[in-house]
Amino acid sequence: MKRALWGMVAGLLAWTSAGQGRPLPRVASLNLCTDQLVLMLAEPEQIVGLSPIARDCWSSVLCEQARHAPVMRPTAENIVSARPDVVLGGVYTAAVAMQAAREEGARVIAFPPVKALADIPAQIMTVANAVGAPERGRALADAFVVRLASLSADRRPDDPTAAIYAANGFVMHGGSLPDDVLAHAGFRNYATTMGLAPSPRLPMEVLIAHPPDLLILDRSGQGHSLAQALLDHPALQQAFAGRHHLDLPARLWLCGLPQTLDSIAMLRAARQDLGPSP
């Protein structure tokens, strides 16, 4: 009885402000990237649950906003209990929960990882249409396109190189969103120019012996593990001092978001500090 009453109340809270007489869909997100798009596009009362990582400020640019939204572990049991109308997630995560949502009759949309900045407006609009906010989505997508054009640098064969170096010596290769961000900021990806093997790990010794023009330390978490300590190794600090080093929060390009453009702005500033290409 209480559950039925709560469902009625939640439904009444989700009516459109435009007075169209149709309730907005109740939305659950099971993925960090869709969490943040939902926070930007949906009305607060529509959100029945976000993934817990939405409140992690190392991973989410909207962590503070997420503290005011409900969170839930992405399990089938939680989805069935929440009874959302729309469930958003990634193609590689929470498969069981998303299948449970389909069986319960919810509209389920699985998003692939964004690999290029040009893909972001389409994902914004897909989420906006799913949550019943197409006008808000169009405004956000259009603003993204305009800002991207204003930030993007002309690409040249002599652009400086930049290496994205993460915990445990992981280096970012081509075909990824960070790789596309580098290109738009006026950098060539060190992993590509060096012809590195597909292995994601790069020994620190190789990086120092054959240095890029800019070392980008991709800090994606808090802690004191040996993997993370590598980024603060004295040899790295000495080899890449001053303008040849940049700390860039991983949360800016973990997902394809309007805030991803902030990473281009940071990199453009670093590019300017390096001076003209030789």
Protein backbone atom coordinates (compact mmCIF):
# COMPACT_ATOMS: atom_id res chain seq x y z
CA MET A 1 0.00 0.00 0.00
CA LYS A 2 2.78 2.44 0.96
CA ARG A 3 4.70 1.58 -2.20
CA ALA A 4 1.64 2.23 -4.36
CA LEU A 5 1.01 5.56 -2.61
CA TRP A 6 4.62 6.61 -3.12
CA GLY A 7 4.37 5.76 -6.81
CA MET A 8 1.34 8.02 -7.12
CA VAL A 9 3.08 10.88 -5.34
CA ALA A 10 6.23 10.52 -7.44
CA GLY A 11 4.15 10.56 -10.57
CA LEU A 12 2.34 13.74 -9.55
CA LEU A 13 5.66 15.45 -8.81
CA ALA A 14 6.92 14.78 -12.31
CA TRP A 15 4.36 16.78 -14.29
CA THR A 16 5.79 19.19 -16.84
CA SER A 17 5.96 22.84 -15.84
CA ALA A 18 4.60 23.78 -19.24
CA GLY A 19 1.25 22.32 -18.28
CA GLN A 20 1.05 19.89 -21.18
CA GLY A 21 -0.84 17.39 -19.08
CA ARG A 22 1.75 14.61 -19.51
CA PRO A 23 4.01 13.46 -16.70
CA LEU A 24 7.71 13.54 -17.34
CA PRO A 25 9.36 10.09 -17.28
CA ARG A 26 10.98 8.84 -14.10
CA VAL A 27 14.65 8.28 -14.89
CA ALA A 28 17.38 6.00 -13.54
CA SER A 29 21.02 6.18 -14.61
CA LEU A 30 23.43 3.28 -14.12
CA ASN A 31 26.57 4.86 -15.54
CA LEU A 32 28.75 7.82 -14.53
CA CYS A 33 28.50 9.47 -17.93
CA THR A 34 24.73 9.26 -18.18
CA ASP A 35 24.50 10.32 -14.51
CA GLN A 36 25.97 13.68 -15.37
CA LEU A 37 23.88 14.22 -18.49
CA VAL A 38 20.76 13.42 -16.48
CA LEU A 39 21.76 15.96 -13.83
CA MET A 40 22.11 18.63 -16.52
CA LEU A 41 18.94 17.81 -18.45
CA ALA A 42 16.28 16.25 -16.21
CA GLU A 43 14.16 17.88 -13.54
CA PRO A 44 15.31 16.85 -10.05
CA GLU A 45 12.00 15.17 -9.26
CA GLN A 46 12.37 12.91 -12.30
CA ILE A 47 15.52 11.24 -10.99
CA VAL A 48 14.85 8.00 -9.12
CA GLY A 49 18.51 6.97 -8.94
CA LEU A 50 22.03 7.67 -10.12
CA SER A 51 25.06 5.45 -9.75
CA PRO A 52 26.97 6.03 -6.47
CA ILE A 53 30.07 7.19 -8.36
CA ALA A 54 28.16 10.30 -9.39
CA ARG A 55 29.05 11.73 -5.96
CA ASP A 56 32.77 10.96 -6.31
CA CYS A 57 34.49 14.28 -7.01
CA TRP A 58 37.55 12.52 -8.47
CA SER A 59 35.35 11.10 -11.21
CA SER A 60 32.36 13.41 -11.58
CA VAL A 61 32.38 17.10 -12.48
CA LEU A 62 28.88 17.35 -11.03
CA CYS A 63 29.58 15.56 -7.76
CA GLU A 64 28.20 18.37 -5.60
CA GLN A 65 24.97 18.53 -7.58
CA ALA A 66 24.68 14.74 -7.32
CA ARG A 67 24.60 14.96 -3.52
CA HIS A 68 21.06 16.29 -3.83
CA ALA A 69 19.88 13.38 -6.01
CA PRO A 70 19.12 9.80 -4.94
CA VAL A 71 21.75 7.18 -5.70
CA MET A 72 21.48 3.42 -5.93
CA ARG A 73 23.70 0.49 -6.75
CA PRO A 74 23.06 -0.64 -10.35
CA THR A 75 21.45 -3.97 -9.52
CA ALA A 76 18.41 -5.69 -10.98
CA GLU A 77 16.71 -5.66 -7.57
CA ASN A 78 17.10 -1.90 -7.22
CA ILE A 79 15.81 -1.25 -10.72
CA VAL A 80 12.74 -3.40 -10.20
CA SER A 81 12.05 -1.66 -6.90
CA ALA A 82 12.50 1.87 -8.29
CA ARG A 83 10.29 1.20 -11.35
CA PRO A 84 11.73 3.92 -13.63
CA ASP A 85 10.20 4.71 -17.01
CA VAL A 86 13.62 5.33 -18.59
CA VAL A 87 16.93 3.63 -17.76
CA LEU A 88 20.20 4.99 -19.12
CA GLY A 89 23.56 3.24 -18.99
CA GLY A 90 26.66 2.19 -20.86
CA VAL A 91 27.05 -0.69 -23.29
CA TYR A 92 29.59 -2.40 -21.04
CA THR A 93 28.10 -1.90 -17.57
CA ALA A 94 25.17 -3.11 -15.47
CA ALA A 95 23.95 -5.53 -18.14
CA VAL A 96 21.82 -7.54 -15.71
CA ALA A 97 20.14 -4.45 -14.29
CA MET A 98 19.43 -3.10 -17.75
CA GLN A 99 17.92 -6.41 -18.85
CA ALA A 100 15.71 -6.40 -15.75
CA ALA A 101 14.55 -2.90 -16.70
CA ARG A 102 13.62 -4.09 -20.19
CA GLU A 103 11.63 -6.97 -18.76
CA GLU A 104 9.78 -4.52 -16.51
CA GLY A 105 8.78 -2.47 -19.54
CA ALA A 106 11.15 0.48 -19.09
CA ARG A 107 12.73 2.23 -22.04
CA VAL A 108 16.42 1.29 -21.88
CA ILE A 109 19.18 3.16 -23.74
CA ALA A 110 22.78 1.90 -23.68
CA PHE A 111 25.43 4.43 -24.74
CA PRO A 112 28.83 3.53 -26.20
CA PRO A 113 31.86 5.39 -24.83
CA VAL A 114 32.42 8.72 -26.53
CA LYS A 115 35.61 8.59 -28.60
CA ALA A 116 35.42 11.99 -30.30
CA LEU A 117 34.22 15.45 -29.34
CA ALA A 118 31.95 15.48 -32.38
CA ASP A 119 29.91 12.63 -30.82
CA ILE A 120 28.94 14.61 -27.72
CA PRO A 121 26.06 16.74 -29.09
CA ALA A 122 24.25 13.62 -30.34
CA GLN A 123 24.49 11.96 -26.92
CA ILE A 124 23.24 15.14 -25.26
CA MET A 125 20.20 15.12 -27.53
CA THR A 126 19.52 11.41 -27.02
CA VAL A 127 19.39 11.90 -23.26
CA ALA A 128 17.43 15.14 -23.58
CA ASN A 129 14.76 13.49 -25.72
CA ALA A 130 14.60 10.47 -23.41
CA VAL A 131 13.96 12.61 -20.31
CA GLY A 132 11.51 14.94 -22.07
CA ALA A 133 13.74 18.01 -22.30
CA PRO A 134 14.50 18.48 -26.02
CA GLU A 135 14.68 22.29 -25.85
CA ARG A 136 17.12 22.20 -22.96
CA GLY A 137 19.17 19.60 -24.80
CA ARG A 138 19.27 21.61 -28.00
CA ALA A 139 20.49 24.68 -26.14
CA LEU A 140 23.21 22.66 -24.42
CA ALA A 141 24.29 20.92 -27.64
CA ASP A 142 24.36 24.17 -29.63
CA ALA A 143 26.42 25.90 -26.94
CA PHE A 144 28.85 22.97 -27.02
CA VAL A 145 29.32 23.23 -30.79
CA VAL A 146 29.93 26.99 -30.63
CA ARG A 147 32.47 26.72 -27.81
CA LEU A 148 34.25 23.79 -29.44
CA ALA A 149 34.71 25.82 -32.61
CA SER A 150 36.09 28.76 -30.63
CA LEU A 151 38.61 26.58 -28.75
CA SER A 152 39.84 24.31 -31.54
CA ALA A 153 43.31 24.98 -32.90
CA ASP A 154 44.40 24.59 -36.51
CA ARG A 155 46.32 21.33 -36.79
CA ARG A 156 49.88 21.40 -38.07
CA PRO A 157 52.41 18.61 -38.69
CA ASP A 158 54.88 20.34 -36.36
CA ASP A 159 52.47 20.64 -33.40
CA PRO A 160 54.18 19.80 -30.08
CA THR A 161 53.75 16.34 -28.64
CA ALA A 162 51.92 15.50 -25.42
CA ALA A 163 51.81 12.27 -23.47
CA ILE A 164 48.90 11.44 -21.19
CA TYR A 165 50.39 9.45 -18.32
CA ALA A 166 48.23 7.78 -15.69
CA ALA A 167 48.70 5.59 -12.61
CA ASN A 168 50.75 2.44 -13.10
CA GLY A 169 52.38 3.91 -16.20
CA PHE A 170 49.32 3.74 -18.43
CA VAL A 171 49.57 5.94 -21.51
CA MET A 172 46.66 7.06 -23.67
CA HIS A 173 46.74 5.88 -27.27
CA GLY A 174 44.82 7.08 -30.31
CA GLY A 175 41.14 6.45 -30.96
CA SER A 176 40.04 7.83 -27.60
CA LEU A 177 38.31 10.97 -26.36
CA PRO A 178 41.50 12.33 -24.68
CA ASP A 179 43.37 11.75 -27.94
CA ASP A 180 40.79 13.86 -29.79
CA VAL A 181 41.01 16.55 -27.10
CA LEU A 182 44.78 16.74 -27.64
CA ALA A 183 44.32 17.22 -31.37
CA HIS A 184 41.80 20.01 -30.90
CA ALA A 185 44.15 21.72 -28.44
CA GLY A 186 47.03 21.73 -30.91
CA PHE A 187 49.02 18.71 -29.75
CA ARG A 188 50.11 15.46 -31.32
CA ASN A 189 49.66 12.34 -29.22
CA TYR A 190 53.08 11.13 -28.10
CA ALA A 191 51.97 7.48 -28.22
CA THR A 192 51.10 7.87 -31.90
CA THR A 193 54.14 9.85 -32.97
CA MET A 194 56.48 7.41 -31.20
CA GLY A 195 54.76 4.43 -32.78
CA LEU A 196 54.36 2.76 -29.40
CA ALA A 197 53.13 -0.81 -29.21
CA PRO A 198 49.44 -1.33 -28.36
CA SER A 199 50.35 -2.12 -24.75
CA PRO A 200 48.74 0.48 -22.48
CA ARG A 201 51.78 0.68 -20.19
CA LEU A 202 54.90 2.72 -20.84
CA PRO A 203 58.00 2.45 -18.63
CA MET A 204 58.95 5.73 -17.00
CA GLU A 205 62.52 5.28 -18.24
CA VAL A 206 61.36 5.34 -21.87
CA LEU A 207 59.29 8.45 -21.25
CA ILE A 208 62.27 10.28 -19.75
CA ALA A 209 64.74 9.08 -22.38
CA HIS A 210 62.45 10.18 -25.24
CA PRO A 211 60.44 13.02 -23.69
CA PRO A 212 57.33 14.61 -25.15
CA ASP A 213 57.02 18.38 -25.15
CA LEU A 214 54.31 18.17 -22.49
CA LEU A 215 53.64 15.49 -19.90
CA ILE A 216 50.00 15.37 -18.80
CA LEU A 217 49.49 13.61 -15.51
CA ASP A 218 46.03 12.05 -15.55
CA ARG A 219 45.07 11.88 -11.88
CA SER A 220 41.91 9.80 -11.58
CA GLY A 221 41.74 8.97 -7.89
CA GLN A 222 42.89 9.69 -4.39
CA GLY A 223 45.18 7.35 -2.56
CA HIS A 224 48.73 6.33 -1.82
CA SER A 225 49.19 3.19 -3.89
CA LEU A 226 52.44 2.42 -5.67
CA ALA A 227 50.60 2.79 -8.98
CA GLN A 228 49.60 6.37 -8.15
CA ALA A 229 52.93 7.20 -6.52
CA LEU A 230 54.59 6.74 -9.92
CA LEU A 231 53.12 10.06 -11.04
CA ASP A 232 55.03 11.86 -8.26
CA HIS A 233 58.34 10.12 -8.85
CA PRO A 234 61.25 12.58 -8.41
CA ALA A 235 62.72 11.57 -11.77
CA LEU A 236 59.51 12.58 -13.54
CA GLN A 237 59.32 15.83 -11.63
CA GLN A 238 62.88 16.69 -12.62
CA ALA A 239 62.51 15.68 -16.28
CA PHE A 240 59.22 17.51 -16.76
CA ALA A 241 59.48 20.63 -14.66
CA GLY A 242 57.66 23.91 -15.15
CA ARG A 243 55.88 24.41 -18.45
CA HIS A 244 56.56 20.82 -19.61
CA HIS A 245 54.16 19.37 -17.04
CA LEU A 246 50.40 19.67 -16.57
CA ASP A 247 48.09 18.10 -14.01
CA LEU A 248 44.72 17.59 -15.68
CA PRO A 249 41.76 16.17 -13.72
CA ALA A 250 40.67 12.90 -15.32
CA ARG A 251 37.02 13.71 -14.62
CA LEU A 252 37.09 16.27 -17.43
CA TRP A 253 37.46 13.60 -20.11
CA LEU A 254 36.27 10.39 -18.49
CA CYS A 255 32.94 11.17 -20.17
CA GLY A 256 31.85 13.18 -23.16
CA LEU A 257 30.31 16.26 -21.54
CA PRO A 258 30.15 20.02 -22.13
CA GLN A 259 32.75 20.29 -19.35
CA THR A 260 35.16 18.25 -21.48
CA LEU A 261 35.83 21.48 -23.33
CA ASP A 262 37.48 22.83 -20.17
CA SER A 263 40.29 20.35 -20.81
CA ILE A 264 40.88 21.91 -24.24
CA ALA A 265 41.08 25.35 -22.63
CA MET A 266 43.65 24.09 -20.12
CA LEU A 267 45.70 22.45 -22.86
CA ARG A 268 45.55 25.52 -25.10
CA ALA A 269 47.01 27.56 -22.24
CA ALA A 270 49.76 24.97 -21.76
CA ARG A 271 50.41 25.00 -25.51
CA GLN A 272 50.87 28.75 -25.43
CA ASP A 273 53.31 28.49 -22.51
CA LEU A 274 55.48 26.14 -24.58
CA GLY A 275 56.03 28.88 -27.13
CA PRO A 276 56.09 28.63 -30.94
CA SER A 277 56.98 25.38 -32.63
CA PRO A 278 60.62 25.18 -33.73
